[in-house]
Amino acid sequence: MAKSKETFSKKELENRRRKQRQEKNDRKLARKEQGPKSFDDMIAYLDENGNLTTTPIDFKKKKVYKLEEVPDAVPKNEPFFTDDAIHQGVVQYFGKSKGFGFIQDNTTKERIFMHKDQCNFDVMEGDKVSYLLRMGDRGLVAINVRKA
């Protein structure tokens, strides 16, 4: 007959698995002896600091907040941009097929969005224009664009 192919490490692994199964069965029997938990034992409460506890909430410690004091997750819009000064600039880019372009302001060197609906002439790149500024959804927008 051939010798057993069982090595020392295989025996140790099997013993460890057997011990773990036995411990699991012991825990299972201990839970059965205790009986089922009541509903009150299973409830967890959230305290005023956001931590889970087993003690019920004390409503005397309840804090009342005013709606105005609660910070917004999204910042409020900036006030409407009011600048009634007439600005001067040069059309830096204009795509006729797309119907929009950008003006470079002479004083601030800022690029300002311009749409063809705000122009009363055929726009070409390099045209000197005057315009009013308003705040759009994505930033400053030129309105009432006229050739200078």
C-alpha atoms as a PDB file:
ATOM      1  CA  MET A   1       0.000   0.000   0.000  1.00  0.00           C
ATOM      2  CA  ALA A   2       1.021   3.546  -0.710  1.00  0.00           C
ATOM      3  CA  LYS A   3       1.768   6.071   1.991  1.00  0.00           C
ATOM      4  CA  SER A   4      -0.708   8.800   2.741  1.00  0.00           C
ATOM      5  CA  LYS A   5      -0.064  12.025   0.830  1.00  0.00           C
ATOM      6  CA  GLU A   6      -1.210  14.103   3.782  1.00  0.00           C
ATOM      7  CA  THR A   7       1.499  16.573   4.822  1.00  0.00           C
ATOM      8  CA  PHE A   8       1.940  18.499   8.028  1.00  0.00           C
ATOM      9  CA  SER A   9       0.642  21.794   6.533  1.00  0.00           C
ATOM     10  CA  LYS A  10      -2.458  20.044   5.140  1.00  0.00           C
ATOM     11  CA  LYS A  11      -3.199  18.590   8.568  1.00  0.00           C
ATOM     12  CA  GLU A  12      -2.788  22.021  10.189  1.00  0.00           C
ATOM     13  CA  LEU A  13      -5.176  23.627   7.675  1.00  0.00           C
ATOM     14  CA  GLU A  14      -7.777  20.931   8.254  1.00  0.00           C
ATOM     15  CA  ASN A  15      -7.482  21.298  12.047  1.00  0.00           C
ATOM     16  CA  ARG A  16      -7.860  25.088  11.771  1.00  0.00           C
ATOM     17  CA  ARG A  17     -10.994  24.707   9.593  1.00  0.00           C
ATOM     18  CA  ARG A  18     -12.462  22.151  12.005  1.00  0.00           C
ATOM     19  CA  LYS A  19     -11.817  24.507  14.940  1.00  0.00           C
ATOM     20  CA  GLN A  20     -13.485  27.446  13.120  1.00  0.00           C
ATOM     21  CA  ARG A  21     -16.555  25.328  12.286  1.00  0.00           C
ATOM     22  CA  GLN A  22     -16.807  24.260  15.935  1.00  0.00           C
ATOM     23  CA  GLU A  23     -16.572  27.883  17.154  1.00  0.00           C
ATOM     24  CA  LYS A  24     -19.265  28.913  14.695  1.00  0.00           C
ATOM     25  CA  ASN A  25     -21.567  26.138  15.913  1.00  0.00           C
ATOM     26  CA  ASP A  26     -20.910  27.160  19.542  1.00  0.00           C
ATOM     27  CA  ARG A  27     -21.878  30.771  18.770  1.00  0.00           C
ATOM     28  CA  LYS A  28     -25.005  29.558  16.967  1.00  0.00           C
ATOM     29  CA  LEU A  29     -26.065  27.457  19.972  1.00  0.00           C
ATOM     30  CA  ALA A  30     -25.391  30.382  22.352  1.00  0.00           C
ATOM     31  CA  ARG A  31     -27.676  32.628  20.270  1.00  0.00           C
ATOM     32  CA  LYS A  32     -30.420  29.993  20.317  1.00  0.00           C
ATOM     33  CA  GLU A  33     -30.175  29.648  24.124  1.00  0.00           C
ATOM     34  CA  GLN A  34     -30.562  33.422  24.586  1.00  0.00           C
ATOM     35  CA  GLY A  35     -33.781  33.360  22.606  1.00  0.00           C
ATOM     36  CA  PRO A  36     -34.912  35.834  19.978  1.00  0.00           C
ATOM     37  CA  LYS A  37     -34.038  39.496  20.496  1.00  0.00           C
ATOM     38  CA  SER A  38     -36.866  41.878  21.156  1.00  0.00           C
ATOM     39  CA  PHE A  39     -37.589  44.682  18.731  1.00  0.00           C
ATOM     40  CA  ASP A  40     -36.406  47.256  21.285  1.00  0.00           C
ATOM     41  CA  ASP A  41     -32.991  45.554  21.459  1.00  0.00           C
ATOM     42  CA  MET A  42     -32.557  45.885  17.709  1.00  0.00           C
ATOM     43  CA  ILE A  43     -33.379  49.617  17.441  1.00  0.00           C
ATOM     44  CA  ALA A  44     -30.552  52.094  17.044  1.00  0.00           C
ATOM     45  CA  TYR A  45     -30.984  55.826  17.610  1.00  0.00           C
ATOM     46  CA  LEU A  46     -29.136  58.759  16.114  1.00  0.00           C
ATOM     47  CA  ASP A  47     -27.980  61.335  18.658  1.00  0.00           C
ATOM     48  CA  GLU A  48     -27.622  65.101  18.124  1.00  0.00           C
ATOM     49  CA  ASN A  49     -24.047  64.666  16.885  1.00  0.00           C
ATOM     50  CA  GLY A  50     -24.959  62.066  14.271  1.00  0.00           C
ATOM     51  CA  ASN A  51     -23.655  59.033  16.208  1.00  0.00           C
ATOM     52  CA  LEU A  52     -25.568  55.744  16.597  1.00  0.00           C
ATOM     53  CA  THR A  53     -26.625  54.946  20.172  1.00  0.00           C
ATOM     54  CA  THR A  54     -28.880  52.480  21.961  1.00  0.00           C
ATOM     55  CA  THR A  55     -30.490  55.137  24.186  1.00  0.00           C
ATOM     56  CA  PRO A  56     -33.660  56.831  22.992  1.00  0.00           C
ATOM     57  CA  ILE A  57     -33.600  60.455  21.877  1.00  0.00           C
ATOM     58  CA  ASP A  58     -34.086  63.143  24.519  1.00  0.00           C
ATOM     59  CA  PHE A  59     -36.296  65.710  22.820  1.00  0.00           C
ATOM     60  CA  LYS A  60     -35.471  68.298  25.484  1.00  0.00           C
ATOM     61  CA  LYS A  61     -32.025  68.639  23.886  1.00  0.00           C
ATOM     62  CA  LYS A  62     -33.574  69.210  20.465  1.00  0.00           C
ATOM     63  CA  LYS A  63     -32.144  72.226  18.657  1.00  0.00           C
ATOM     64  CA  VAL A  64     -34.423  74.398  16.566  1.00  0.00           C
ATOM     65  CA  TYR A  65     -32.871  76.124  13.564  1.00  0.00           C
ATOM     66  CA  LYS A  66     -34.249  79.036  11.628  1.00  0.00           C
ATOM     67  CA  LEU A  67     -34.355  78.490   7.892  1.00  0.00           C
ATOM     68  CA  GLU A  68     -32.354  81.673   7.294  1.00  0.00           C
ATOM     69  CA  GLU A  69     -29.488  80.377   9.481  1.00  0.00           C
ATOM     70  CA  VAL A  70     -29.048  77.110   7.556  1.00  0.00           C
ATOM     71  CA  PRO A  71     -26.259  77.492   4.980  1.00  0.00           C
ATOM     72  CA  ASP A  72     -27.151  76.671   1.397  1.00  0.00           C
ATOM     73  CA  ALA A  73     -25.358  73.821  -0.306  1.00  0.00           C
ATOM     74  CA  VAL A  74     -25.449  75.819  -3.541  1.00  0.00           C
ATOM     75  CA  PRO A  75     -24.388  79.453  -3.280  1.00  0.00           C
ATOM     76  CA  LYS A  76     -26.980  82.029  -4.214  1.00  0.00           C
ATOM     77  CA  ASN A  77     -26.665  83.824  -7.538  1.00  0.00           C
ATOM     78  CA  GLU A  78     -24.682  86.998  -7.551  1.00  0.00           C
ATOM     79  CA  PRO A  79     -26.765  90.139  -7.854  1.00  0.00           C
ATOM     80  CA  PHE A  80     -27.706  91.126 -11.380  1.00  0.00           C
ATOM     81  CA  PHE A  81     -24.738  92.725 -13.114  1.00  0.00           C
ATOM     82  CA  THR A  82     -25.494  96.420 -13.661  1.00  0.00           C
ATOM     83  CA  ASP A  83     -22.998  98.283 -15.767  1.00  0.00           C
ATOM     84  CA  ASP A  84     -24.628 100.772 -18.098  1.00  0.00           C
ATOM     85  CA  ALA A  85     -21.351 102.104 -19.462  1.00  0.00           C
ATOM     86  CA  ILE A  86     -20.744 101.637 -23.170  1.00  0.00           C
ATOM     87  CA  HIS A  87     -17.658  99.507 -23.743  1.00  0.00           C
ATOM     88  CA  GLN A  88     -15.370  99.437 -26.764  1.00  0.00           C
ATOM     89  CA  GLY A  89     -13.692  96.384 -28.243  1.00  0.00           C
ATOM     90  CA  VAL A  90     -12.613  94.427 -31.292  1.00  0.00           C
ATOM     91  CA  VAL A  91     -14.297  91.282 -32.645  1.00  0.00           C
ATOM     92  CA  GLN A  92     -11.645  88.658 -32.059  1.00  0.00           C
ATOM     93  CA  TYR A  93     -13.549  85.654 -33.433  1.00  0.00           C
ATOM     94  CA  PHE A  94     -16.933  85.206 -35.093  1.00  0.00           C
ATOM     95  CA  GLY A  95     -18.348  81.989 -36.536  1.00  0.00           C
ATOM     96  CA  LYS A  96     -21.096  82.863 -39.024  1.00  0.00           C
ATOM     97  CA  SER A  97     -22.319  79.273 -39.240  1.00  0.00           C
ATOM     98  CA  LYS A  98     -22.642  79.039 -35.453  1.00  0.00           C
ATOM     99  CA  GLY A  99     -23.872  82.597 -34.941  1.00  0.00           C
ATOM    100  CA  PHE A 100     -21.641  83.618 -32.066  1.00  0.00           C
ATOM    101  CA  GLY A 101     -18.232  85.042 -31.386  1.00  0.00           C
ATOM    102  CA  PHE A 102     -16.038  86.873 -28.910  1.00  0.00           C
ATOM    103  CA  ILE A 103     -15.093  90.500 -28.437  1.00  0.00           C
ATOM    104  CA  GLN A 104     -11.829  91.539 -26.807  1.00  0.00           C
ATOM    105  CA  ASP A 105     -12.452  94.543 -24.568  1.00  0.00           C
ATOM    106  CA  ASN A 106     -10.058  97.446 -25.196  1.00  0.00           C
ATOM    107  CA  THR A 107      -9.611  98.361 -21.528  1.00  0.00           C
ATOM    108  CA  THR A 108      -9.685  95.038 -19.667  1.00  0.00           C
ATOM    109  CA  LYS A 109      -8.490  92.776 -22.544  1.00  0.00           C
ATOM    110  CA  GLU A 110     -11.218  90.362 -21.450  1.00  0.00           C
ATOM    111  CA  ARG A 111     -12.997  88.082 -23.947  1.00  0.00           C
ATOM    112  CA  ILE A 112     -16.737  88.703 -23.928  1.00  0.00           C
ATOM    113  CA  PHE A 113     -19.312  86.435 -25.570  1.00  0.00           C
ATOM    114  CA  MET A 114     -21.400  87.927 -28.379  1.00  0.00           C
ATOM    115  CA  HIS A 115     -24.404  86.414 -30.194  1.00  0.00           C
ATOM    116  CA  LYS A 116     -25.560  87.408 -33.689  1.00  0.00           C
ATOM    117  CA  ASP A 117     -29.027  88.321 -32.356  1.00  0.00           C
ATOM    118  CA  GLN A 118     -27.452  91.234 -30.447  1.00  0.00           C
ATOM    119  CA  CYS A 119     -25.896  92.743 -33.611  1.00  0.00           C
ATOM    120  CA  ASN A 120     -27.584  94.999 -36.162  1.00  0.00           C
ATOM    121  CA  PHE A 121     -24.925  94.511 -38.886  1.00  0.00           C
ATOM    122  CA  ASP A 122     -22.903  91.780 -40.612  1.00  0.00           C
ATOM    123  CA  VAL A 123     -20.107  90.945 -38.200  1.00  0.00           C
ATOM    124  CA  MET A 124     -16.554  90.357 -39.424  1.00  0.00           C
ATOM    125  CA  GLU A 125     -13.424  89.546 -37.449  1.00  0.00           C
ATOM    126  CA  GLY A 126     -11.436  92.690 -36.678  1.00  0.00           C
ATOM    127  CA  ASP A 127     -14.507  95.001 -36.539  1.00  0.00           C
ATOM    128  CA  LYS A 128     -14.367  97.711 -33.883  1.00  0.00           C
ATOM    129  CA  VAL A 129     -17.589  97.622 -31.869  1.00  0.00           C
ATOM    130  CA  SER A 130     -19.311  99.276 -28.925  1.00  0.00           C
ATOM    131  CA  TYR A 131     -21.610  97.324 -26.618  1.00  0.00           C
ATOM    132  CA  LEU A 132     -23.229  97.018 -23.200  1.00  0.00           C
ATOM    133  CA  LEU A 133     -22.348  94.262 -20.731  1.00  0.00           C
ATOM    134  CA  ARG A 134     -24.784  91.954 -18.971  1.00  0.00           C
ATOM    135  CA  MET A 135     -24.301  88.820 -16.867  1.00  0.00           C
ATOM    136  CA  GLY A 136     -25.392  85.681 -18.717  1.00  0.00           C
ATOM    137  CA  ASP A 137     -25.695  82.085 -17.559  1.00  0.00           C
ATOM    138  CA  ARG A 138     -21.989  81.423 -18.049  1.00  0.00           C
ATOM    139  CA  GLY A 139     -20.444  84.847 -17.668  1.00  0.00           C
ATOM    140  CA  LEU A 140     -20.399  88.266 -19.282  1.00  0.00           C
ATOM    141  CA  VAL A 141     -22.391  88.766 -22.506  1.00  0.00           C
ATOM    142  CA  ALA A 142     -22.290  91.680 -24.936  1.00  0.00           C
ATOM    143  CA  ILE A 143     -25.676  93.173 -25.836  1.00  0.00           C
ATOM    144  CA  ASN A 144     -26.682  95.998 -28.215  1.00  0.00           C
ATOM    145  CA  VAL A 145     -23.511  95.502 -30.250  1.00  0.00           C
ATOM    146  CA  ARG A 146     -22.913  98.343 -32.761  1.00  0.00           C
ATOM    147  CA  LYS A 147     -20.084  99.198 -35.127  1.00  0.00           C
ATOM    148  CA  ALA A 148     -17.836 101.869 -33.650  1.00  0.00           C
END
